[in-house]
């Protein structure tokens, strides 16, 4: 029997898939990269996406 350890594995994979892109992108918008750890929470991830969508990058290059 597996014992349900697979659920934890999937949760860790999803967390990594969420945190890594935010970790790399947030500093470009003047937000500390450690805030990316909060992206595990769905509401925080949505808020961060909205902030990034409507805020210009600090290096002056919008896209």
PDB file of N, CA and C in Angstrom:
ATOM      1  N   UNK A   1       0.831  -1.182   0.000  1.00  0.00           N
ATOM      2  CA  UNK A   1       0.000   0.000   0.000  1.00  0.00           C
ATOM      3  C   UNK A   1       0.881   1.254   0.000  1.00  0.00           C
ATOM      4  N   UNK A   2       0.404   2.276  -0.665  1.00  0.00           N
ATOM      5  CA  UNK A   2       1.194   3.492  -0.812  1.00  0.00           C
ATOM      6  C   UNK A   2       1.109   4.393   0.420  1.00  0.00           C
ATOM      7  N   UNK A   3       0.003   4.469   1.085  1.00  0.00           N
ATOM      8  CA  UNK A   3      -0.100   5.247   2.300  1.00  0.00           C
ATOM      9  C   UNK A   3      -0.371   6.733   2.115  1.00  0.00           C
ATOM     10  N   UNK A   4      -0.571   7.213   0.900  1.00  0.00           N
ATOM     11  CA  UNK A   4      -0.913   8.610   0.684  1.00  0.00           C
ATOM     12  C   UNK A   4       0.276   9.550   0.553  1.00  0.00           C
ATOM     13  N   UNK A   5       1.479   9.041   0.475  1.00  0.00           N
ATOM     14  CA  UNK A   5       2.652   9.897   0.320  1.00  0.00           C
ATOM     15  C   UNK A   5       2.698  10.583  -1.029  1.00  0.00           C
ATOM     16  N   UNK A   6       1.967  10.059  -1.998  1.00  0.00           N
ATOM     17  CA  UNK A   6       1.930  10.655  -3.334  1.00  0.00           C
ATOM     18  C   UNK A   6       1.300  12.030  -3.330  1.00  0.00           C
ATOM     19  N   UNK A   7       0.356  12.265  -2.427  1.00  0.00           N
ATOM     20  CA  UNK A   7      -0.280  13.578  -2.342  1.00  0.00           C
ATOM     21  C   UNK A   7       0.712  14.648  -1.931  1.00  0.00           C
ATOM     22  N   UNK A   8       1.582  14.312  -1.008  1.00  0.00           N
ATOM     23  CA  UNK A   8       2.609  15.251  -0.574  1.00  0.00           C
ATOM     24  C   UNK A   8       3.583  15.549  -1.715  1.00  0.00           C
ATOM     25  N   UNK A   9       3.918  14.535  -2.479  1.00  0.00           N
ATOM     26  CA  UNK A   9       4.823  14.724  -3.615  1.00  0.00           C
ATOM     27  C   UNK A   9       4.217  15.682  -4.638  1.00  0.00           C
ATOM     28  N   UNK A  10       2.944  15.498  -4.967  1.00  0.00           N
ATOM     29  CA  UNK A  10       2.284  16.389  -5.924  1.00  0.00           C
ATOM     30  C   UNK A  10       2.209  17.807  -5.387  1.00  0.00           C
ATOM     31  N   UNK A  11       1.955  17.950  -4.088  1.00  0.00           N
ATOM     32  CA  UNK A  11       1.887  19.268  -3.480  1.00  0.00           C
ATOM     33  C   UNK A  11       3.245  19.970  -3.589  1.00  0.00           C
ATOM     34  N   UNK A  12       4.328  19.247  -3.351  1.00  0.00           N
ATOM     35  CA  UNK A  12       5.669  19.827  -3.459  1.00  0.00           C
ATOM     36  C   UNK A  12       5.992  20.233  -4.896  1.00  0.00           C
ATOM     37  N   UNK A  13       5.589  19.410  -5.859  1.00  0.00           N
ATOM     38  CA  UNK A  13       5.831  19.725  -7.270  1.00  0.00           C
ATOM     39  C   UNK A  13       5.087  20.993  -7.663  1.00  0.00           C
ATOM     40  N   UNK A  14       3.822  21.102  -7.260  1.00  0.00           N
ATOM     41  CA  UNK A  14       3.027  22.294  -7.574  1.00  0.00           C
ATOM     42  C   UNK A  14       3.639  23.527  -6.917  1.00  0.00           C
ATOM     43  N   UNK A  15       4.094  23.399  -5.687  1.00  0.00           N
ATOM     44  CA  UNK A  15       4.719  24.531  -4.989  1.00  0.00           C
ATOM     45  C   UNK A  15       5.964  25.009  -5.722  1.00  0.00           C
ATOM     46  N   UNK A  16       6.794  24.089  -6.161  1.00  0.00           N
ATOM     47  CA  UNK A  16       8.013  24.465  -6.885  1.00  0.00           C
ATOM     48  C   UNK A  16       7.654  25.134  -8.209  1.00  0.00           C
ATOM     49  N   UNK A  17       6.631  24.591  -8.898  1.00  0.00           N
ATOM     50  CA  UNK A  17       6.230  25.178 -10.174  1.00  0.00           C
ATOM     51  C   UNK A  17       5.659  26.583 -10.008  1.00  0.00           C
ATOM     52  N   UNK A  18       5.134  26.909  -8.845  1.00  0.00           N
ATOM     53  CA  UNK A  18       4.628  28.251  -8.582  1.00  0.00           C
ATOM     54  C   UNK A  18       5.716  29.199  -8.096  1.00  0.00           C
ATOM     55  N   UNK A  19       6.544  28.738  -7.191  1.00  0.00           N
ATOM     56  CA  UNK A  19       7.500  29.619  -6.528  1.00  0.00           C
ATOM     57  C   UNK A  19       8.660  30.021  -7.446  1.00  0.00           C
ATOM     58  N   UNK A  20       9.180  29.103  -8.221  1.00  0.00           N
ATOM     59  CA  UNK A  20      10.376  29.397  -9.026  1.00  0.00           C
ATOM     60  C   UNK A  20      10.152  30.550 -10.017  1.00  0.00           C
ATOM     61  N   UNK A  21       9.060  30.558 -10.795  1.00  0.00           N
ATOM     62  CA  UNK A  21       8.878  31.714 -11.702  1.00  0.00           C
ATOM     63  C   UNK A  21       8.707  33.035 -10.957  1.00  0.00           C
ATOM     64  N   UNK A  22       7.946  33.023  -9.862  1.00  0.00           N
ATOM     65  CA  UNK A  22       7.791  34.247  -9.082  1.00  0.00           C
ATOM     66  C   UNK A  22       9.135  34.681  -8.506  1.00  0.00           C
ATOM     67  N   UNK A  23       9.949  33.737  -8.049  1.00  0.00           N
ATOM     68  CA  UNK A  23      11.262  34.027  -7.465  1.00  0.00           C
ATOM     69  C   UNK A  23      12.136  34.777  -8.465  1.00  0.00           C
ATOM     70  N   UNK A  24      12.040  34.395  -9.737  1.00  0.00           N
ATOM     71  CA  UNK A  24      12.869  35.022 -10.768  1.00  0.00           C
ATOM     72  C   UNK A  24      12.295  36.342 -11.262  1.00  0.00           C
ATOM     73  N   UNK A  25      10.976  36.485 -11.262  1.00  0.00           N
ATOM     74  CA  UNK A  25      10.349  37.671 -11.840  1.00  0.00           C
ATOM     75  C   UNK A  25      10.150  38.825 -10.857  1.00  0.00           C
ATOM     76  N   UNK A  26       9.846  38.535  -9.611  1.00  0.00           N
ATOM     77  CA  UNK A  26       9.506  39.593  -8.659  1.00  0.00           C
ATOM     78  C   UNK A  26      10.583  40.658  -8.494  1.00  0.00           C
ATOM     79  N   UNK A  27      11.872  40.326  -8.434  1.00  0.00           N
ATOM     80  CA  UNK A  27      12.881  41.395  -8.296  1.00  0.00           C
ATOM     81  C   UNK A  27      12.863  42.404  -9.446  1.00  0.00           C
ATOM     82  N   UNK A  28      12.420  42.003 -10.618  1.00  0.00           N
ATOM     83  CA  UNK A  28      12.339  42.920 -11.751  1.00  0.00           C
ATOM     84  C   UNK A  28      11.270  43.982 -11.528  1.00  0.00           C
ATOM     85  N   UNK A  29      10.359  43.720 -10.614  1.00  0.00           N
ATOM     86  CA  UNK A  29       9.275  44.659 -10.309  1.00  0.00           C
ATOM     87  C   UNK A  29       9.483  45.340  -8.959  1.00  0.00           C
ATOM     88  N   UNK A  30      10.667  45.211  -8.390  1.00  0.00           N
ATOM     89  CA  UNK A  30      10.991  45.881  -7.137  1.00  0.00           C
ATOM     90  C   UNK A  30      10.419  45.205  -5.912  1.00  0.00           C
ATOM     91  N   UNK A  31      10.031  43.955  -6.042  1.00  0.00           N
ATOM     92  CA  UNK A  31       9.464  43.197  -4.925  1.00  0.00           C
ATOM     93  C   UNK A  31      10.513  42.176  -4.492  1.00  0.00           C
ATOM     94  N   UNK A  32      10.775  42.047  -3.195  1.00  0.00           N
ATOM     95  CA  UNK A  32      11.781  41.080  -2.741  1.00  0.00           C
ATOM     96  C   UNK A  32      11.429  39.659  -3.186  1.00  0.00           C
ATOM     97  N   UNK A  33      12.450  38.923  -3.610  1.00  0.00           N
ATOM     98  CA  UNK A  33      12.198  37.584  -4.140  1.00  0.00           C
ATOM     99  C   UNK A  33      11.642  36.626  -3.094  1.00  0.00           C
ATOM    100  N   UNK A  34      11.837  36.925  -1.823  1.00  0.00           N
ATOM    101  CA  UNK A  34      11.334  36.040  -0.777  1.00  0.00           C
ATOM    102  C   UNK A  34       9.811  36.057  -0.676  1.00  0.00           C
ATOM    103  N   UNK A  35       9.190  37.090  -1.233  1.00  0.00           N
ATOM    104  CA  UNK A  35       7.732  37.152  -1.269  1.00  0.00           C
ATOM    105  C   UNK A  35       7.176  36.011  -2.132  1.00  0.00           C
ATOM    106  N   UNK A  36       8.006  35.482  -3.021  1.00  0.00           N
ATOM    107  CA  UNK A  36       7.583  34.377  -3.884  1.00  0.00           C
ATOM    108  C   UNK A  36       7.154  33.162  -3.067  1.00  0.00           C
ATOM    109  N   UNK A  37       7.703  33.003  -1.878  1.00  0.00           N
ATOM    110  CA  UNK A  37       7.305  31.870  -1.044  1.00  0.00           C
ATOM    111  C   UNK A  37       5.832  31.949  -0.646  1.00  0.00           C
ATOM    112  N   UNK A  38       5.292  33.155  -0.619  1.00  0.00           N
ATOM    113  CA  UNK A  38       3.877  33.324  -0.290  1.00  0.00           C
ATOM    114  C   UNK A  38       2.972  32.956  -1.459  1.00  0.00           C
ATOM    115  N   UNK A  39       3.541  32.789  -2.648  1.00  0.00           N
ATOM    116  CA  UNK A  39       2.754  32.448  -3.828  1.00  0.00           C
ATOM    117  C   UNK A  39       2.161  31.047  -3.727  1.00  0.00           C
ATOM    118  N   UNK A  40       2.552  30.301  -2.717  1.00  0.00           N
ATOM    119  CA  UNK A  40       1.954  28.985  -2.481  1.00  0.00           C
ATOM    120  C   UNK A  40       0.468  29.149  -2.173  1.00  0.00           C
ATOM    121  N   UNK A  41       0.119  30.286  -1.563  1.00  0.00           N
ATOM    122  CA  UNK A  41      -1.276  30.571  -1.259  1.00  0.00           C
ATOM    123  C   UNK A  41      -1.942  31.139  -2.517  1.00  0.00           C
ATOM    124  N   UNK A  42      -3.027  30.532  -2.965  1.00  0.00           N
ATOM    125  CA  UNK A  42      -3.624  30.940  -4.246  1.00  0.00           C
ATOM    126  C   UNK A  42      -3.995  32.422  -4.320  1.00  0.00           C
ATOM    127  N   UNK A  43      -4.561  32.982  -3.266  1.00  0.00           N
ATOM    128  CA  UNK A  43      -4.960  34.385  -3.302  1.00  0.00           C
ATOM    129  C   UNK A  43      -3.742  35.295  -3.434  1.00  0.00           C
ATOM    130  N   UNK A  44      -2.650  34.953  -2.769  1.00  0.00           N
ATOM    131  CA  UNK A  44      -1.423  35.744  -2.865  1.00  0.00           C
ATOM    132  C   UNK A  44      -0.849  35.658  -4.273  1.00  0.00           C
ATOM    133  N   UNK A  45      -0.901  34.482  -4.883  1.00  0.00           N
ATOM    134  CA  UNK A  45      -0.392  34.321  -6.246  1.00  0.00           C
ATOM    135  C   UNK A  45      -1.178  35.195  -7.224  1.00  0.00           C
ATOM    136  N   UNK A  46      -2.492  35.253  -7.053  1.00  0.00           N
ATOM    137  CA  UNK A  46      -3.314  36.081  -7.934  1.00  0.00           C
ATOM    138  C   UNK A  46      -2.994  37.555  -7.727  1.00  0.00           C
ATOM    139  N   UNK A  47      -2.838  37.977  -6.486  1.00  0.00           N
ATOM    140  CA  UNK A  47      -2.504  39.372  -6.199  1.00  0.00           C
ATOM    141  C   UNK A  47      -1.149  39.735  -6.805  1.00  0.00           C
ATOM    142  N   UNK A  48      -0.172  38.848  -6.670  1.00  0.00           N
ATOM    143  CA  UNK A  48       1.150  39.118  -7.245  1.00  0.00           C
ATOM    144  C   UNK A  48       1.082  39.226  -8.762  1.00  0.00           C
ATOM    145  N   UNK A  49       0.284  38.382  -9.388  1.00  0.00           N
ATOM    146  CA  UNK A  49       0.129  38.466 -10.842  1.00  0.00           C
ATOM    147  C   UNK A  49      -0.466  39.800 -11.263  1.00  0.00           C
ATOM    148  N   UNK A  50      -1.453  40.290 -10.522  1.00  0.00           N
ATOM    149  CA  UNK A  50      -2.063  41.584 -10.831  1.00  0.00           C
ATOM    150  C   UNK A  50      -1.061  42.717 -10.633  1.00  0.00           C
ATOM    151  N   UNK A  51      -0.274  42.647  -9.573  1.00  0.00           N
ATOM    152  CA  UNK A  51       0.743  43.675  -9.334  1.00  0.00           C
ATOM    153  C   UNK A  51       1.744  43.695 -10.480  1.00  0.00           C
ATOM    154  N   UNK A  52       2.182  42.526 -10.889  1.00  0.00           N
ATOM    155  CA  UNK A  52       3.164  42.447 -11.968  1.00  0.00           C
ATOM    156  C   UNK A  52       2.573  42.908 -13.302  1.00  0.00           C
ATOM    157  N   UNK A  53       1.308  42.639 -13.520  1.00  0.00           N
ATOM    158  CA  UNK A  53       0.680  42.996 -14.794  1.00  0.00           C
ATOM    159  C   UNK A  53       0.534  44.510 -14.958  1.00  0.00           C
ATOM    160  N   UNK A  54       0.327  45.213 -13.856  1.00  0.00           N
ATOM    161  CA  UNK A  54       0.041  46.634 -13.959  1.00  0.00           C
ATOM    162  C   UNK A  54       1.145  47.533 -13.415  1.00  0.00           C
ATOM    163  N   UNK A  55       2.300  46.973 -13.156  1.00  0.00           N
ATOM    164  CA  UNK A  55       3.417  47.762 -12.648  1.00  0.00           C
ATOM    165  C   UNK A  55       4.565  47.674 -13.645  1.00  0.00           C
ATOM    166  N   UNK A  56       5.189  48.793 -13.907  1.00  0.00           N
ATOM    167  CA  UNK A  56       6.319  48.787 -14.831  1.00  0.00           C
ATOM    168  C   UNK A  56       7.547  48.200 -14.152  1.00  0.00           C
ATOM    169  N   UNK A  57       8.371  47.588 -14.969  1.00  0.00           N
ATOM    170  CA  UNK A  57       9.620  47.060 -14.443  1.00  0.00           C
ATOM    171  C   UNK A  57      10.527  48.210 -14.034  1.00  0.00           C
ATOM    172  N   UNK A  58      11.420  47.959 -13.093  1.00  0.00           N
ATOM    173  CA  UNK A  58      12.291  49.011 -12.607  1.00  0.00           C
ATOM    174  C   UNK A  58      13.407  49.357 -13.585  1.00  0.00           C
ATOM    175  N   UNK A  59      13.729  48.454 -14.488  1.00  0.00           N
ATOM    176  CA  UNK A  59      14.820  48.748 -15.425  1.00  0.00           C
ATOM    177  C   UNK A  59      14.339  49.610 -16.585  1.00  0.00           C
ATOM    178  N   UNK A  60      13.069  50.023 -16.560  1.00  0.00           N
ATOM    179  CA  UNK A  60      12.549  50.917 -17.577  1.00  0.00           C
ATOM    180  C   UNK A  60      12.004  50.216 -18.800  1.00  0.00           C
ATOM    181  N   UNK A  61      12.271  48.928 -18.970  1.00  0.00           N
ATOM    182  CA  UNK A  61      11.797  48.167 -20.114  1.00  0.00           C
ATOM    183  C   UNK A  61      10.454  47.526 -19.750  1.00  0.00           C
ATOM    184  N   UNK A  62       9.397  47.988 -20.381  1.00  0.00           N
ATOM    185  CA  UNK A  62       8.075  47.453 -20.058  1.00  0.00           C
ATOM    186  C   UNK A  62       7.930  46.045 -20.611  1.00  0.00           C
ATOM    187  N   UNK A  63       8.330  45.816 -21.820  1.00  0.00           N
ATOM    188  CA  UNK A  63       8.240  44.456 -22.375  1.00  0.00           C
ATOM    189  C   UNK A  63       9.334  44.268 -23.355  1.00  0.00           C
TER     190      UNK A  63
END
